[in-house]
Amino acid sequence: MLARSLIGIVLFLFVSYGLVKAWPLIAGPTLSIQSPRDYAAYPDGIVTISGTANRIALLTLNGTQVLHDTDGSFSSTLTFPRGGSILTFVATDQFGRHITTTRSVFVPD
């Protein structure tokens, strides 16, 4: 009876450890945009893009690859024409799962 209990406890510990280690693979990509704020106005047309993406293989902004650091952070400064622009960020992991976030910015006349 004691041997069965010990085997059960050890098995439970192995499964729990495996789930903790596999969680990043199970969870999929994450994406957090710090800048720009949604619906923000930029009178000079210069917009700083920054944020963090975790557990990703590829990050794109409107279809163009965005370079990111090993910790997942990214930052870039872009210039936009007068009027409204929609920024579409897509973070894709190694299994093809993706998450999409959009931001709208406005450059007044």
Protein backbone atom coordinates (compact mmCIF):
# COMPACT_ATOMS: atom_id res chain seq x y z
CA MET A 1 0.00 0.00 0.00
CA LEU A 2 2.84 2.39 0.87
CA ALA A 3 4.62 1.55 -2.40
CA ARG A 4 1.47 2.40 -4.41
CA SER A 5 1.13 5.74 -2.64
CA LEU A 6 4.78 6.61 -3.31
CA ILE A 7 4.45 5.64 -6.98
CA GLY A 8 1.31 7.79 -7.24
CA ILE A 9 3.03 10.78 -5.63
CA VAL A 10 6.12 10.46 -7.84
CA LEU A 11 3.95 10.11 -10.96
CA PHE A 12 1.94 13.18 -9.96
CA LEU A 13 5.15 15.18 -9.44
CA PHE A 14 6.51 14.17 -12.86
CA VAL A 15 3.27 15.09 -14.64
CA SER A 16 3.04 18.41 -12.78
CA TYR A 17 6.65 19.27 -13.62
CA GLY A 18 6.06 18.39 -17.27
CA LEU A 19 2.99 20.64 -17.43
CA VAL A 20 4.89 23.56 -15.88
CA LYS A 21 7.75 23.18 -18.36
CA ALA A 22 5.39 22.71 -21.33
CA TRP A 23 3.15 25.67 -20.46
CA PRO A 24 4.94 28.16 -22.80
CA LEU A 25 4.37 25.75 -25.69
CA ILE A 26 0.74 25.23 -24.74
CA ALA A 27 0.00 28.92 -24.10
CA GLY A 28 0.94 30.27 -27.53
CA PRO A 29 2.23 33.74 -28.39
CA THR A 30 1.53 36.94 -26.46
CA LEU A 31 1.66 40.51 -27.72
CA SER A 32 1.58 43.76 -25.75
CA ILE A 33 1.75 47.15 -27.50
CA GLN A 34 2.93 50.04 -25.32
CA SER A 35 3.03 52.63 -28.12
CA PRO A 36 1.18 53.97 -30.02
CA ARG A 37 -2.00 54.40 -28.05
CA ASP A 38 -5.12 53.58 -30.02
CA TYR A 39 -6.74 56.58 -31.79
CA ALA A 40 -3.86 58.88 -30.84
CA ALA A 41 -3.06 61.99 -32.89
CA TYR A 42 0.52 62.70 -34.01
CA PRO A 43 0.77 66.24 -35.42
CA ASP A 44 4.31 65.75 -36.77
CA GLY A 45 3.56 62.28 -38.23
CA ILE A 46 6.41 60.63 -36.28
CA VAL A 47 5.22 57.62 -34.30
CA THR A 48 7.25 55.45 -31.94
CA ILE A 49 6.21 51.81 -32.13
CA SER A 50 7.12 49.73 -29.07
CA GLY A 51 5.98 46.68 -27.18
CA THR A 52 6.74 43.14 -26.15
CA ALA A 53 6.01 39.82 -27.85
CA ASN A 54 6.70 36.52 -26.10
CA ARG A 55 6.99 32.97 -27.42
CA ILE A 56 7.09 34.10 -31.05
CA ALA A 57 8.91 33.06 -34.20
CA LEU A 58 7.76 36.03 -36.31
CA LEU A 59 6.39 39.52 -35.63
CA THR A 60 4.95 41.64 -38.43
CA LEU A 61 3.54 45.14 -38.74
CA ASN A 62 1.23 45.52 -41.75
CA GLY A 63 2.90 42.49 -43.32
CA THR A 64 6.49 43.67 -42.82
CA GLN A 65 8.74 41.81 -40.39
CA VAL A 66 9.61 43.65 -37.17
CA LEU A 67 12.91 42.81 -35.50
CA HIS A 68 12.74 42.01 -31.79
CA ASP A 69 15.25 41.40 -29.01
CA THR A 70 15.76 38.02 -27.37
CA ASP A 71 13.55 39.15 -24.47
CA GLY A 72 10.75 39.88 -26.96
CA SER A 73 10.88 43.68 -26.80
CA PHE A 74 10.75 45.75 -29.97
CA SER A 75 10.93 49.44 -30.81
CA SER A 76 10.99 51.50 -33.98
CA THR A 77 10.20 55.02 -35.12
CA LEU A 78 8.07 55.44 -38.24
CA THR A 79 6.76 58.43 -40.19
CA PHE A 80 3.15 58.43 -41.39
CA PRO A 81 1.39 60.60 -44.00
CA ARG A 82 -1.46 62.97 -43.19
CA GLY A 83 -4.73 61.26 -42.39
CA GLY A 84 -5.55 58.03 -40.60
CA SER A 85 -3.52 54.84 -40.55
CA ILE A 86 -4.32 51.41 -39.19
CA LEU A 87 -1.41 49.41 -37.78
CA THR A 88 -1.89 45.63 -37.69
CA PHE A 89 0.56 43.68 -35.54
CA VAL A 90 0.67 39.89 -35.93
CA ALA A 91 2.76 37.67 -33.63
CA THR A 92 3.17 34.06 -34.82
CA ASP A 93 4.74 31.21 -32.86
CA GLN A 94 6.70 28.23 -34.19
CA PHE A 95 3.51 26.16 -34.51
CA GLY A 96 1.70 28.73 -36.68
CA ARG A 97 -0.57 30.03 -33.94
CA HIS A 98 -0.95 33.78 -34.10
CA ILE A 99 -2.37 36.75 -32.24
CA THR A 100 -3.35 40.02 -33.92
CA THR A 101 -3.58 43.51 -32.42
CA THR A 102 -4.50 46.72 -34.23
CA ARG A 103 -3.90 50.38 -33.49
CA SER A 104 -5.33 53.41 -35.29
CA VAL A 105 -3.27 56.61 -35.48
CA PHE A 106 -4.11 59.98 -36.97
CA VAL A 107 -1.87 62.68 -38.45
CA PRO A 108 -3.88 65.92 -38.70
CA ASP A 109 -3.65 68.27 -41.71
